[in-house]
Amino acid sequence: MEKRFSIGVMTDSFKKPFFEALDKAVEVGAQGIQLYVVEGEMSYKTFDDEKIKAVNDALAAHNLVVSAVCGDFGGHGFATEEENAWKIPASKEVALLAKKLGSSVVTTHIGCVPDDKNSEEYVRMKNACKDMGDYAASIGVTFAIETGPEKATVLADFIRDVDSKGIGVNLDPANLIMVTGDDPVQAVYTLKDFIVHTHAKDGIMIKQTDPKIIYTFFAEGGIEDMRMSDYFLELPLGEGKVDFDAYLNALTDIGFKGFLTIERECGADPYADILKAADFLRSKI
């Protein structure tokens, strides 16, 4: 029987050099990888024609494709003029790199979408996404906004407001549960017109708080006595609150046939957790 989805892995999750991580991706049975290109050995700034060829040759030798490129520059997303001045052109460079690596998806966080559509911050984020989205669409790439900072209904409204064919969604079900308390299954239906990539991740919320506080902490740090583990925990697949049976069935319902890309951001033995996650997904698809 044909599999409903393909399994991907974030190479950075292995905490190994990139080319070693490709070997690990094959070992766990992945069909694709997501590549982090913001900093480190695979920073987009380090790619020239020779490196692009080396990566593409290695991918072909491992029978892997790039499910998505992670172009998340952190900070406040696209909420400030100061950061946008360099992030927008840098994001366009990442989109072009994704294209050269055979991928049509760049995942990123854009910041917390404000409730007030007339606020300067909302307009600034909307304009930035329109600019990047239109460029991405012109080269056959989609900027996929990762779920988490706001509920799915808010994100769907924002994307419709941006009105660019190059803006989509990277659906991370764990982020919705851990930070916003939103239902990932319903989010699939709410965002069905925009989903181009997903993260396979699980977790629990421990204490509800304003998502803006969480993402500001990620952007700035330095909030005294704030421990993320007081608010949420990322857990291995199947051990959190994501109802994967219902979630994967919802993805099937909307016709999604793309990647479930395993992202493991913590844990003492990431390889074991990623292998467990891949086995878990295989048992479901």
C-alpha atoms as a PDB file:
ATOM      1  CA  MET A   1       0.000   0.000   0.000  1.00  0.00           C
ATOM      2  CA  GLU A   2       1.300   3.446  -0.887  1.00  0.00           C
ATOM      3  CA  LYS A   3       2.356   5.556   2.079  1.00  0.00           C
ATOM      4  CA  ARG A   4       0.220   8.599   2.775  1.00  0.00           C
ATOM      5  CA  PHE A   5       3.164  10.854   3.602  1.00  0.00           C
ATOM      6  CA  SER A   6       6.941  11.061   3.388  1.00  0.00           C
ATOM      7  CA  ILE A   7       9.139  11.159   6.485  1.00  0.00           C
ATOM      8  CA  GLY A   8      11.748  13.883   6.842  1.00  0.00           C
ATOM      9  CA  VAL A   9      14.251  14.805   9.530  1.00  0.00           C
ATOM     10  CA  MET A  10      15.890  18.055  10.583  1.00  0.00           C
ATOM     11  CA  THR A  11      19.579  17.382  10.073  1.00  0.00           C
ATOM     12  CA  ASP A  12      20.457  19.728  12.942  1.00  0.00           C
ATOM     13  CA  SER A  13      18.417  17.564  15.314  1.00  0.00           C
ATOM     14  CA  PHE A  14      21.083  14.848  15.095  1.00  0.00           C
ATOM     15  CA  LYS A  15      23.642  17.317  16.496  1.00  0.00           C
ATOM     16  CA  LYS A  16      26.204  16.006  13.996  1.00  0.00           C
ATOM     17  CA  PRO A  17      28.067  17.641  11.090  1.00  0.00           C
ATOM     18  CA  PHE A  18      25.809  17.878   8.036  1.00  0.00           C
ATOM     19  CA  PHE A  19      27.290  15.088   5.933  1.00  0.00           C
ATOM     20  CA  GLU A  20      27.296  12.728   8.938  1.00  0.00           C
ATOM     21  CA  ALA A  21      23.679  13.703   9.577  1.00  0.00           C
ATOM     22  CA  LEU A  22      22.798  12.538   6.047  1.00  0.00           C
ATOM     23  CA  ASP A  23      24.054   9.069   6.973  1.00  0.00           C
ATOM     24  CA  LYS A  24      21.897   9.166  10.111  1.00  0.00           C
ATOM     25  CA  ALA A  25      18.870  10.274   8.086  1.00  0.00           C
ATOM     26  CA  VAL A  26      19.253   7.203   5.877  1.00  0.00           C
ATOM     27  CA  GLU A  27      19.681   4.976   8.953  1.00  0.00           C
ATOM     28  CA  VAL A  28      16.340   6.083  10.413  1.00  0.00           C
ATOM     29  CA  GLY A  29      14.627   5.568   7.052  1.00  0.00           C
ATOM     30  CA  ALA A  30      13.898   9.166   6.076  1.00  0.00           C
ATOM     31  CA  GLN A  31      13.113  10.178   2.521  1.00  0.00           C
ATOM     32  CA  GLY A  32      14.049  13.815   3.006  1.00  0.00           C
ATOM     33  CA  ILE A  33      15.825  16.310   5.217  1.00  0.00           C
ATOM     34  CA  GLN A  34      15.206  19.850   6.372  1.00  0.00           C
ATOM     35  CA  LEU A  35      18.329  21.952   6.280  1.00  0.00           C
ATOM     36  CA  TYR A  36      19.011  24.866   8.670  1.00  0.00           C
ATOM     37  CA  VAL A  37      20.863  27.579   6.762  1.00  0.00           C
ATOM     38  CA  VAL A  38      20.791  30.622   9.040  1.00  0.00           C
ATOM     39  CA  GLU A  39      24.127  30.074  10.775  1.00  0.00           C
ATOM     40  CA  GLY A  40      26.774  27.458  11.425  1.00  0.00           C
ATOM     41  CA  GLU A  41      28.485  25.191   8.896  1.00  0.00           C
ATOM     42  CA  MET A  42      25.512  25.317   6.492  1.00  0.00           C
ATOM     43  CA  SER A  43      24.846  29.063   6.686  1.00  0.00           C
ATOM     44  CA  TYR A  44      23.415  30.405   3.449  1.00  0.00           C
ATOM     45  CA  LYS A  45      26.385  32.782   3.325  1.00  0.00           C
ATOM     46  CA  THR A  46      28.786  29.847   2.915  1.00  0.00           C
ATOM     47  CA  PHE A  47      27.167  28.456  -0.225  1.00  0.00           C
ATOM     48  CA  ASP A  48      28.867  28.954  -3.554  1.00  0.00           C
ATOM     49  CA  ASP A  49      28.344  26.887  -6.708  1.00  0.00           C
ATOM     50  CA  GLU A  50      30.866  24.307  -5.529  1.00  0.00           C
ATOM     51  CA  LYS A  51      29.162  23.791  -2.177  1.00  0.00           C
ATOM     52  CA  ILE A  52      25.706  23.635  -3.771  1.00  0.00           C
ATOM     53  CA  LYS A  53      26.974  20.892  -6.093  1.00  0.00           C
ATOM     54  CA  ALA A  54      28.592  19.005  -3.201  1.00  0.00           C
ATOM     55  CA  VAL A  55      25.362  19.066  -1.177  1.00  0.00           C
ATOM     56  CA  ASN A  56      23.190  18.087  -4.140  1.00  0.00           C
ATOM     57  CA  ASP A  57      25.575  15.253  -5.039  1.00  0.00           C
ATOM     58  CA  ALA A  58      25.517  13.983  -1.443  1.00  0.00           C
ATOM     59  CA  LEU A  59      21.727  14.145  -1.332  1.00  0.00           C
ATOM     60  CA  ALA A  60      21.489  12.166  -4.563  1.00  0.00           C
ATOM     61  CA  ALA A  61      23.999   9.589  -3.288  1.00  0.00           C
ATOM     62  CA  HIS A  62      21.862   9.128  -0.154  1.00  0.00           C
ATOM     63  CA  ASN A  63      18.613   9.083  -2.164  1.00  0.00           C
ATOM     64  CA  LEU A  64      17.353  12.052  -0.147  1.00  0.00           C
ATOM     65  CA  VAL A  65      15.612  15.289  -1.086  1.00  0.00           C
ATOM     66  CA  VAL A  66      15.358  18.604   0.752  1.00  0.00           C
ATOM     67  CA  SER A  67      11.823  18.725   2.165  1.00  0.00           C
ATOM     68  CA  ALA A  68      12.354  22.330   3.253  1.00  0.00           C
ATOM     69  CA  VAL A  69      15.031  24.843   4.129  1.00  0.00           C
ATOM     70  CA  CYS A  70      14.820  26.499   7.544  1.00  0.00           C
ATOM     71  CA  GLY A  71      15.346  30.237   7.111  1.00  0.00           C
ATOM     72  CA  ASP A  72      14.248  31.318  10.577  1.00  0.00           C
ATOM     73  CA  PHE A  73      16.381  34.305  11.594  1.00  0.00           C
ATOM     74  CA  GLY A  74      14.882  34.486  15.078  1.00  0.00           C
ATOM     75  CA  GLY A  75      14.632  37.774  16.900  1.00  0.00           C
ATOM     76  CA  HIS A  76      11.256  39.478  16.601  1.00  0.00           C
ATOM     77  CA  GLY A  77      10.419  37.885  13.280  1.00  0.00           C
ATOM     78  CA  PHE A  78       9.333  40.640  10.898  1.00  0.00           C
ATOM     79  CA  ALA A  79       7.852  42.962  13.503  1.00  0.00           C
ATOM     80  CA  THR A  80      10.522  45.684  13.526  1.00  0.00           C
ATOM     81  CA  GLU A  81      11.827  47.965  10.783  1.00  0.00           C
ATOM     82  CA  GLU A  82      15.396  47.606  12.036  1.00  0.00           C
ATOM     83  CA  GLU A  83      15.408  43.811  11.689  1.00  0.00           C
ATOM     84  CA  ASN A  84      13.389  43.819   8.460  1.00  0.00           C
ATOM     85  CA  ALA A  85      16.009  45.980   6.750  1.00  0.00           C
ATOM     86  CA  TRP A  86      18.357  42.994   6.644  1.00  0.00           C
ATOM     87  CA  LYS A  87      16.030  40.041   7.196  1.00  0.00           C
ATOM     88  CA  ILE A  88      13.912  40.566   4.085  1.00  0.00           C
ATOM     89  CA  PRO A  89      16.847  40.536   1.629  1.00  0.00           C
ATOM     90  CA  ALA A  90      18.500  37.702   3.598  1.00  0.00           C
ATOM     91  CA  SER A  91      15.279  35.685   3.430  1.00  0.00           C
ATOM     92  CA  LYS A  92      15.163  36.181  -0.328  1.00  0.00           C
ATOM     93  CA  GLU A  93      18.716  34.826  -0.555  1.00  0.00           C
ATOM     94  CA  VAL A  94      17.601  31.788   1.437  1.00  0.00           C
ATOM     95  CA  ALA A  95      14.648  31.271  -0.923  1.00  0.00           C
ATOM     96  CA  LEU A  96      16.998  31.309  -3.904  1.00  0.00           C
ATOM     97  CA  LEU A  97      19.303  28.825  -2.160  1.00  0.00           C
ATOM     98  CA  ALA A  98      16.335  26.547  -1.460  1.00  0.00           C
ATOM     99  CA  LYS A  99      15.535  26.594  -5.160  1.00  0.00           C
ATOM    100  CA  LYS A 100      19.111  25.638  -6.028  1.00  0.00           C
ATOM    101  CA  LEU A 101      18.916  22.730  -3.563  1.00  0.00           C
ATOM    102  CA  GLY A 102      15.759  21.442  -5.208  1.00  0.00           C
ATOM    103  CA  SER A 103      13.360  22.566  -2.500  1.00  0.00           C
ATOM    104  CA  SER A 104      10.260  24.716  -2.874  1.00  0.00           C
ATOM    105  CA  VAL A 105       9.742  25.492   0.831  1.00  0.00           C
ATOM    106  CA  VAL A 106      11.436  27.854   3.298  1.00  0.00           C
ATOM    107  CA  THR A 107      10.128  27.620   6.863  1.00  0.00           C
ATOM    108  CA  THR A 108      10.283  30.587   9.212  1.00  0.00           C
ATOM    109  CA  HIS A 109       8.709  32.239  12.230  1.00  0.00           C
ATOM    110  CA  ILE A 110       7.423  35.727  11.510  1.00  0.00           C
ATOM    111  CA  GLY A 111       6.691  36.841  15.092  1.00  0.00           C
ATOM    112  CA  CYS A 112       3.333  37.060  16.869  1.00  0.00           C
ATOM    113  CA  VAL A 113       0.584  38.371  14.587  1.00  0.00           C
ATOM    114  CA  PRO A 114      -1.130  41.263  16.449  1.00  0.00           C
ATOM    115  CA  ASP A 115      -4.894  41.201  16.953  1.00  0.00           C
ATOM    116  CA  ASP A 116      -5.214  44.801  15.757  1.00  0.00           C
ATOM    117  CA  LYS A 117      -4.993  44.817  11.959  1.00  0.00           C
ATOM    118  CA  ASN A 118      -4.530  48.590  12.005  1.00  0.00           C
ATOM    119  CA  SER A 119      -1.485  48.504  14.277  1.00  0.00           C
ATOM    120  CA  GLU A 120       1.891  49.525  12.869  1.00  0.00           C
ATOM    121  CA  GLU A 121       3.335  46.136  13.784  1.00  0.00           C
ATOM    122  CA  TYR A 122       0.618  44.223  11.919  1.00  0.00           C
ATOM    123  CA  VAL A 123       1.018  46.367   8.801  1.00  0.00           C
ATOM    124  CA  ARG A 124       4.810  46.012   8.979  1.00  0.00           C
ATOM    125  CA  MET A 125       4.576  42.195   9.206  1.00  0.00           C
ATOM    126  CA  LYS A 126       1.993  42.076   6.433  1.00  0.00           C
ATOM    127  CA  ASN A 127       4.114  44.215   4.102  1.00  0.00           C
ATOM    128  CA  ALA A 128       7.230  42.148   4.814  1.00  0.00           C
ATOM    129  CA  CYS A 129       5.416  38.887   4.077  1.00  0.00           C
ATOM    130  CA  LYS A 130       3.922  40.328   0.900  1.00  0.00           C
ATOM    131  CA  ASP A 131       7.358  41.414  -0.308  1.00  0.00           C
ATOM    132  CA  MET A 132       9.005  38.061   0.485  1.00  0.00           C
ATOM    133  CA  GLY A 133       6.038  36.004  -0.671  1.00  0.00           C
ATOM    134  CA  ASP A 134       5.796  37.652  -4.050  1.00  0.00           C
ATOM    135  CA  TYR A 135       9.531  37.178  -4.613  1.00  0.00           C
ATOM    136  CA  ALA A 136       9.345  33.543  -3.516  1.00  0.00           C
ATOM    137  CA  ALA A 137       6.392  32.851  -5.805  1.00  0.00           C
ATOM    138  CA  SER A 138       8.312  34.324  -8.738  1.00  0.00           C
ATOM    139  CA  ILE A 139      10.976  31.602  -8.352  1.00  0.00           C
ATOM    140  CA  GLY A 140       8.622  28.758  -7.417  1.00  0.00           C
ATOM    141  CA  VAL A 141       9.199  28.833  -3.647  1.00  0.00           C
ATOM    142  CA  THR A 142       6.835  29.257  -0.681  1.00  0.00           C
ATOM    143  CA  PHE A 143       7.685  30.926   2.623  1.00  0.00           C
ATOM    144  CA  ALA A 144       5.964  28.622   5.106  1.00  0.00           C
ATOM    145  CA  ILE A 145       5.048  30.394   8.345  1.00  0.00           C
ATOM    146  CA  GLU A 146       5.464  28.025  11.280  1.00  0.00           C
ATOM    147  CA  THR A 147       2.462  27.676  13.573  1.00  0.00           C
ATOM    148  CA  GLY A 148       2.797  28.483  17.246  1.00  0.00           C
ATOM    149  CA  PRO A 149       2.641  32.159  18.218  1.00  0.00           C
ATOM    150  CA  GLU A 150      -1.071  32.571  17.416  1.00  0.00           C
ATOM    151  CA  LYS A 151      -4.122  30.396  16.957  1.00  0.00           C
ATOM    152  CA  ALA A 152      -4.723  28.885  13.524  1.00  0.00           C
ATOM    153  CA  THR A 153      -7.726  31.123  12.814  1.00  0.00           C
ATOM    154  CA  VAL A 154      -5.600  34.250  13.346  1.00  0.00           C
ATOM    155  CA  LEU A 155      -2.821  32.952  11.096  1.00  0.00           C
ATOM    156  CA  ALA A 156      -5.284  31.987   8.347  1.00  0.00           C
ATOM    157  CA  ASP A 157      -6.820  35.478   8.402  1.00  0.00           C
ATOM    158  CA  PHE A 158      -3.364  37.047   8.263  1.00  0.00           C
ATOM    159  CA  ILE A 159      -2.273  34.972   5.259  1.00  0.00           C
ATOM    160  CA  ARG A 160      -5.449  35.847   3.386  1.00  0.00           C
ATOM    161  CA  ASP A 161      -4.796  39.488   4.217  1.00  0.00           C
ATOM    162  CA  VAL A 162      -1.216  39.272   2.897  1.00  0.00           C
ATOM    163  CA  ASP A 163      -2.604  37.858  -0.355  1.00  0.00           C
ATOM    164  CA  SER A 164       0.584  36.381  -1.826  1.00  0.00           C
ATOM    165  CA  LYS A 165       0.904  33.044  -3.607  1.00  0.00           C
ATOM    166  CA  GLY A 166       4.333  32.658  -1.997  1.00  0.00           C
ATOM    167  CA  ILE A 167       3.113  32.547   1.608  1.00  0.00           C
ATOM    168  CA  GLY A 168       2.027  29.253   3.140  1.00  0.00           C
ATOM    169  CA  VAL A 169       2.171  27.280   6.396  1.00  0.00           C
ATOM    170  CA  ASN A 170       4.579  24.894   8.079  1.00  0.00           C
ATOM    171  CA  LEU A 171       2.201  23.160  10.486  1.00  0.00           C
ATOM    172  CA  ASP A 172       3.882  22.276  13.772  1.00  0.00           C
ATOM    173  CA  PRO A 173       1.215  20.551  15.880  1.00  0.00           C
ATOM    174  CA  ALA A 174       3.265  20.583  19.076  1.00  0.00           C
ATOM    175  CA  ASN A 175       3.767  24.355  18.991  1.00  0.00           C
ATOM    176  CA  LEU A 176       0.000  24.841  18.875  1.00  0.00           C
ATOM    177  CA  ILE A 177      -0.497  22.628  21.928  1.00  0.00           C
ATOM    178  CA  MET A 178       2.502  23.857  23.904  1.00  0.00           C
ATOM    179  CA  VAL A 179       2.141  27.611  23.414  1.00  0.00           C
ATOM    180  CA  THR A 180      -1.345  28.615  22.237  1.00  0.00           C
ATOM    181  CA  GLY A 181      -3.415  25.698  23.511  1.00  0.00           C
ATOM    182  CA  ASP A 182      -4.925  25.346  20.040  1.00  0.00           C
ATOM    183  CA  ASP A 183      -6.214  22.062  18.571  1.00  0.00           C
ATOM    184  CA  PRO A 184      -3.838  20.792  15.840  1.00  0.00           C
ATOM    185  CA  VAL A 185      -6.563  18.664  14.243  1.00  0.00           C
ATOM    186  CA  GLN A 186      -8.886  21.612  13.765  1.00  0.00           C
ATOM    187  CA  ALA A 187      -5.884  23.693  12.679  1.00  0.00           C
ATOM    188  CA  VAL A 188      -5.393  21.351   9.719  1.00  0.00           C
ATOM    189  CA  TYR A 189      -8.861  22.213   8.433  1.00  0.00           C
ATOM    190  CA  THR A 190      -8.507  25.909   9.252  1.00  0.00           C
ATOM    191  CA  LEU A 191      -5.191  26.174   7.386  1.00  0.00           C
ATOM    192  CA  LYS A 192      -5.880  23.578   4.690  1.00  0.00           C
ATOM    193  CA  ASP A 193      -5.419  25.988   1.785  1.00  0.00           C
ATOM    194  CA  PHE A 194      -1.926  26.965   2.935  1.00  0.00           C
ATOM    195  CA  ILE A 195      -0.135  23.891   4.365  1.00  0.00           C
ATOM    196  CA  VAL A 196       2.974  23.016   2.343  1.00  0.00           C
ATOM    197  CA  HIS A 197       5.111  21.310   5.000  1.00  0.00           C
ATOM    198  CA  THR A 198       4.717  19.918   8.519  1.00  0.00           C
ATOM    199  CA  HIS A 199       6.877  19.219  11.541  1.00  0.00           C
ATOM    200  CA  ALA A 200       6.413  15.936  13.371  1.00  0.00           C
ATOM    201  CA  LYS A 201       6.770  17.047  16.971  1.00  0.00           C
ATOM    202  CA  ASP A 202       4.946  16.387  20.238  1.00  0.00           C
ATOM    203  CA  GLY A 203       4.627  18.104  23.580  1.00  0.00           C
ATOM    204  CA  ILE A 204       2.441  19.289  26.425  1.00  0.00           C
ATOM    205  CA  MET A 205       1.397  22.611  27.876  1.00  0.00           C
ATOM    206  CA  ILE A 206       2.020  22.905  31.590  1.00  0.00           C
ATOM    207  CA  LYS A 207       0.842  26.456  32.208  1.00  0.00           C
ATOM    208  CA  GLN A 208      -0.932  28.858  29.852  1.00  0.00           C
ATOM    209  CA  THR A 209       0.622  32.246  29.277  1.00  0.00           C
ATOM    210  CA  ASP A 210       0.596  34.956  26.630  1.00  0.00           C
ATOM    211  CA  PRO A 211       2.410  33.507  23.571  1.00  0.00           C
ATOM    212  CA  LYS A 212       3.998  36.919  22.984  1.00  0.00           C
ATOM    213  CA  ILE A 213       5.814  36.549  26.320  1.00  0.00           C
ATOM    214  CA  ILE A 214       7.201  33.177  25.218  1.00  0.00           C
ATOM    215  CA  TYR A 215       8.370  34.373  21.810  1.00  0.00           C
ATOM    216  CA  THR A 216       9.781  37.616  23.217  1.00  0.00           C
ATOM    217  CA  PHE A 217      11.825  35.467  25.587  1.00  0.00           C
ATOM    218  CA  PHE A 218      13.137  33.481  22.610  1.00  0.00           C
ATOM    219  CA  ALA A 219      13.947  36.750  20.836  1.00  0.00           C
ATOM    220  CA  GLU A 220      15.592  38.599  23.697  1.00  0.00           C
ATOM    221  CA  GLY A 221      16.253  36.237  26.597  1.00  0.00           C
ATOM    222  CA  GLY A 222      17.032  37.777  29.932  1.00  0.00           C
ATOM    223  CA  ILE A 223      13.558  37.469  31.454  1.00  0.00           C
ATOM    224  CA  GLU A 224      14.383  36.767  35.078  1.00  0.00           C
ATOM    225  CA  ASP A 225      13.157  33.518  36.613  1.00  0.00           C
ATOM    226  CA  MET A 226      11.437  32.434  33.399  1.00  0.00           C
ATOM    227  CA  ARG A 227      11.967  28.763  32.661  1.00  0.00           C
ATOM    228  CA  MET A 228      10.322  27.359  29.550  1.00  0.00           C
ATOM    229  CA  SER A 229       9.856  24.037  31.371  1.00  0.00           C
ATOM    230  CA  ASP A 230       7.417  25.792  33.687  1.00  0.00           C
ATOM    231  CA  TYR A 231       5.151  26.446  30.702  1.00  0.00           C
ATOM    232  CA  PHE A 232       5.592  23.581  28.256  1.00  0.00           C
ATOM    233  CA  LEU A 233       7.659  20.511  27.463  1.00  0.00           C
ATOM    234  CA  GLU A 234       8.591  19.061  24.097  1.00  0.00           C
ATOM    235  CA  LEU A 235       8.351  15.263  24.264  1.00  0.00           C
ATOM    236  CA  PRO A 236       9.140  12.323  21.967  1.00  0.00           C
ATOM    237  CA  LEU A 237       6.406  11.520  19.442  1.00  0.00           C
ATOM    238  CA  GLY A 238       3.493   9.695  20.989  1.00  0.00           C
ATOM    239  CA  GLU A 239       4.268  10.893  24.515  1.00  0.00           C
ATOM    240  CA  GLY A 240       2.617  14.322  24.320  1.00  0.00           C
ATOM    241  CA  LYS A 241      -0.863  15.638  23.667  1.00  0.00           C
ATOM    242  CA  VAL A 242      -0.870  15.566  19.852  1.00  0.00           C
ATOM    243  CA  ASP A 243      -3.505  13.043  18.764  1.00  0.00           C
ATOM    244  CA  PHE A 244      -1.512  11.732  15.819  1.00  0.00           C
ATOM    245  CA  ASP A 245      -4.209   9.368  14.562  1.00  0.00           C
ATOM    246  CA  ALA A 246      -6.726  12.197  14.251  1.00  0.00           C
ATOM    247  CA  TYR A 247      -4.071  14.672  13.095  1.00  0.00           C
ATOM    248  CA  LEU A 248      -2.752  12.469  10.282  1.00  0.00           C
ATOM    249  CA  ASN A 249      -6.284  11.559   9.235  1.00  0.00           C
ATOM    250  CA  ALA A 250      -7.084  15.270   8.994  1.00  0.00           C
ATOM    251  CA  LEU A 251      -4.028  15.824   6.794  1.00  0.00           C
ATOM    252  CA  THR A 252      -5.239  12.979   4.584  1.00  0.00           C
ATOM    253  CA  ASP A 253      -8.728  14.516   4.482  1.00  0.00           C
ATOM    254  CA  ILE A 254      -7.410  17.784   3.064  1.00  0.00           C
ATOM    255  CA  GLY A 255      -5.257  16.009   0.487  1.00  0.00           C
ATOM    256  CA  PHE A 256      -1.856  16.757   1.999  1.00  0.00           C
ATOM    257  CA  LYS A 257       0.721  14.251   0.741  1.00  0.00           C
ATOM    258  CA  GLY A 258       3.935  15.990   1.719  1.00  0.00           C
ATOM    259  CA  PHE A 259       6.515  15.641   4.461  1.00  0.00           C
ATOM    260  CA  LEU A 260       6.196  14.947   8.144  1.00  0.00           C
ATOM    261  CA  THR A 261       9.600  16.268   9.172  1.00  0.00           C
ATOM    262  CA  ILE A 262      10.840  15.147  12.569  1.00  0.00           C
ATOM    263  CA  GLU A 263      12.164  17.965  14.715  1.00  0.00           C
ATOM    264  CA  ARG A 264      13.705  17.130  18.078  1.00  0.00           C
ATOM    265  CA  GLU A 265      14.894  20.252  19.871  1.00  0.00           C
ATOM    266  CA  CYS A 266      15.942  18.686  23.171  1.00  0.00           C
ATOM    267  CA  GLY A 267      16.685  15.326  24.771  1.00  0.00           C
ATOM    268  CA  ALA A 268      19.855  13.547  25.878  1.00  0.00           C
ATOM    269  CA  ASP A 269      19.878  11.060  22.977  1.00  0.00           C
ATOM    270  CA  PRO A 270      18.492  12.783  19.867  1.00  0.00           C
ATOM    271  CA  TYR A 271      19.299   9.882  17.524  1.00  0.00           C
ATOM    272  CA  ALA A 272      17.282   7.447  19.648  1.00  0.00           C
ATOM    273  CA  ASP A 273      14.385   9.894  19.834  1.00  0.00           C
ATOM    274  CA  ILE A 274      14.456  10.532  16.062  1.00  0.00           C
ATOM    275  CA  LEU A 275      14.555   6.786  15.308  1.00  0.00           C
ATOM    276  CA  LYS A 276      11.662   6.243  17.703  1.00  0.00           C
ATOM    277  CA  ALA A 277       9.766   9.059  16.005  1.00  0.00           C
ATOM    278  CA  ALA A 278      10.394   7.629  12.538  1.00  0.00           C
ATOM    279  CA  ASP A 279       9.222   4.179  13.680  1.00  0.00           C
ATOM    280  CA  PHE A 280       6.164   5.785  15.313  1.00  0.00           C
ATOM    281  CA  LEU A 281       5.260   7.595  12.094  1.00  0.00           C
ATOM    282  CA  ARG A 282       5.768   4.476   9.986  1.00  0.00           C
ATOM    283  CA  SER A 283       3.323   2.652  12.232  1.00  0.00           C
ATOM    284  CA  LYS A 284       0.733   5.364  11.512  1.00  0.00           C
ATOM    285  CA  ILE A 285       1.130   5.902   7.779  1.00  0.00           C
END
